[in-house]
Amino acid sequence: MNDINSVQTVAHDKATVTARSARSEAGMTTAEYAVGTVSACGFGGVLYTILTSDFGQNLLEGLLESITSLLPF
């Protein structure tokens, strides 16, 4: 009888640990999405600033000229 109680206790402990770890990370997904969204917006702003500058325009023109020179038509 004692072995059955210890097996049930171990199973209960594993279930409790699993439930607690799942509960503790439930809010993390929202925080990670928020950080990812802010990072993407910041990167987009930097990219926009670079590509609309004279340097960015020259970079894009050079890139497009290189691509069109590689095309066979």
Protein backbone atom coordinates (compact mmCIF):
# COMPACT_ATOMS: atom_id res chain seq x y z
CA MET A 1 0.00 0.00 0.00
CA ASN A 2 2.86 2.32 0.75
CA ASP A 3 4.32 1.86 -2.75
CA ILE A 4 1.06 2.86 -4.41
CA ASN A 5 0.88 6.07 -2.39
CA SER A 6 4.47 6.97 -3.30
CA VAL A 7 3.78 6.36 -7.00
CA GLN A 8 0.69 8.56 -6.82
CA THR A 9 2.68 11.24 -5.01
CA VAL A 10 5.42 11.21 -7.65
CA ALA A 11 2.85 11.42 -10.45
CA HIS A 12 1.09 14.25 -8.64
CA ASP A 13 4.39 16.11 -8.13
CA LYS A 14 5.28 15.81 -11.82
CA ALA A 15 1.85 17.08 -12.83
CA THR A 16 2.15 19.99 -10.40
CA VAL A 17 5.59 20.96 -11.71
CA THR A 18 4.36 20.76 -15.30
CA ALA A 19 1.29 22.88 -14.53
CA ARG A 20 3.34 25.47 -12.65
CA SER A 21 5.94 25.77 -15.40
CA ALA A 22 3.21 26.14 -18.03
CA ARG A 23 1.46 28.78 -15.96
CA SER A 24 4.61 30.77 -15.28
CA GLU A 25 5.39 31.19 -18.98
CA ALA A 26 1.88 32.03 -20.13
CA GLY A 27 2.61 35.77 -20.13
CA MET A 28 6.00 35.38 -21.76
CA THR A 29 4.56 34.92 -25.23
CA THR A 30 2.82 38.28 -25.07
CA ALA A 31 6.01 39.98 -23.86
CA GLU A 32 8.06 38.30 -26.57
CA TYR A 33 5.61 39.41 -29.26
CA ALA A 34 5.76 42.96 -27.91
CA VAL A 35 9.56 43.02 -27.96
CA GLY A 36 9.60 41.51 -31.45
CA THR A 37 7.09 44.08 -32.72
CA VAL A 38 9.02 47.01 -31.27
CA SER A 39 12.27 45.63 -32.71
CA ALA A 40 10.72 45.17 -36.15
CA CYS A 41 9.36 48.73 -36.11
CA GLY A 42 12.74 50.10 -35.07
CA PHE A 43 14.53 48.11 -37.77
CA GLY A 44 11.98 49.27 -40.34
CA GLY A 45 12.56 52.90 -39.35
CA VAL A 46 16.33 52.55 -39.64
CA LEU A 47 16.00 50.77 -42.99
CA TYR A 48 13.65 53.46 -44.31
CA THR A 49 16.03 56.21 -43.20
CA ILE A 50 19.01 54.54 -44.87
CA LEU A 51 17.25 53.68 -48.13
CA THR A 52 15.74 57.14 -48.58
CA SER A 53 19.13 58.85 -48.10
CA ASP A 54 21.54 59.56 -50.97
CA PHE A 55 23.70 56.63 -49.87
CA GLY A 56 20.69 54.30 -49.97
CA GLN A 57 19.58 55.53 -53.36
CA ASN A 58 23.07 54.97 -54.81
CA LEU A 59 23.21 51.55 -53.20
CA LEU A 60 19.88 50.53 -54.71
CA GLU A 61 20.80 51.89 -58.15
CA GLY A 62 24.11 50.03 -58.11
CA LEU A 63 22.41 46.84 -56.99
CA LEU A 64 19.78 47.05 -59.72
CA GLU A 65 22.42 47.80 -62.37
CA SER A 66 24.41 44.76 -61.25
CA ILE A 67 21.34 42.55 -61.40
CA THR A 68 20.28 43.78 -64.85
CA SER A 69 23.82 43.24 -66.20
CA LEU A 70 23.64 39.58 -65.14
CA LEU A 71 20.32 38.94 -66.89
CA PRO A 72 20.57 37.45 -70.41
CA PHE A 73 17.86 39.63 -71.94
